[in-house]
Amino acid sequence: MLPNDKPVLGYTDGSEMWRDNAVSYGIDEAINISHSYLDLNLKREHSDEEGQLCSEMFTAMYFATVDRVNPNKLIYPFDLETANKRTESSYYHLNRLHNSTCVRGIDELISASCYKTNFYNLEIAAMIAIMDYGFPRVCSVLAFHYQCNSGDGRLSAVNREWANGFIVCHEAFNRVHLQIHATLIDGFCGYIRELYQRLGQSGLSCQEKRSKANLTMILKSKEQLPHLMTAKDFLLVMLLLTIQNVVINGSAGSSLSGKVNAILIGACMQMMNKP
């Protein structure tokens, strides 16, 4: 439920709305409030000012939470044959399940964004999709759709070119495709592409700098950088990122976070050197 101590319409800046909610209710509840507000605007006609408020709030929320690691939003990149060789078939199947859920979720969001005949709030739908499934999975779903429908003239060239820039494991989608009309998919993809170019790339680079640095240290400890991780490696990296996320987003100061992080990396490296 949206807080009633300060009406939403009293805000002129969405980042201020996010900041006040985060300070008053905490990050997790502020995320729920933001989601509720986007849901409200998804299904109704709104002014340009309200649309701008949504965009500013989403941007502020995204950068405030980009360091949070949600395992359900991580993409497992390998096909089933490779997963079996690496004894990671469970990750592969879980990834397929999350992909299917995302495909159905996008279809439902686009349908729900129709506030009157032939009018859709696709930009709001795009923001909610990113909140629910994350940039990597939403981009992968769209890339899969565009790559499988390269001859569909209803899909724009600019979106097709953008989608072709992603490497997607096609079999990981279990033959589940977006069912909504191609014109709506293309409009939705346009907003995702804009959000990704404006927020996703910089946000992901910010998030990935830390995880890639730690991952590189772990892999180098086994002189394994050019090779693929084993299931044990993958689990340790997930543990590293999860605990690191708690430290960074918790109450510890930055200097303490660095010390804990360094200790954790060393512990993981010692674990991986054991038979």
Foldseek 3Di string as FASTA:
>chain_A
DADPPQDPVNDQALLVVLVVCCVVPNLVVSLVNLLVLLLVLLQADDDPSSVNSNVRNLQNNCLVCLQADDPLQDADADDCVVCVVLVNNVNLLSNLVSLLVLLVLLLVSQVNSPNDPPDGPLLSSLSSSCVVRNLVSVLQQLLLQCVVPVPDPLADPVLSVVSVVDDHDNVSNVPRHRDDDSNSSNVNSVSSVVCCVVPVVVSVCVNVVVLVVLLVLLCVLVPRVVHDDHPLSVVLSVVLSNVLSCCVPDDDDPVVSVVVSVVSSVVSSVVVPPD
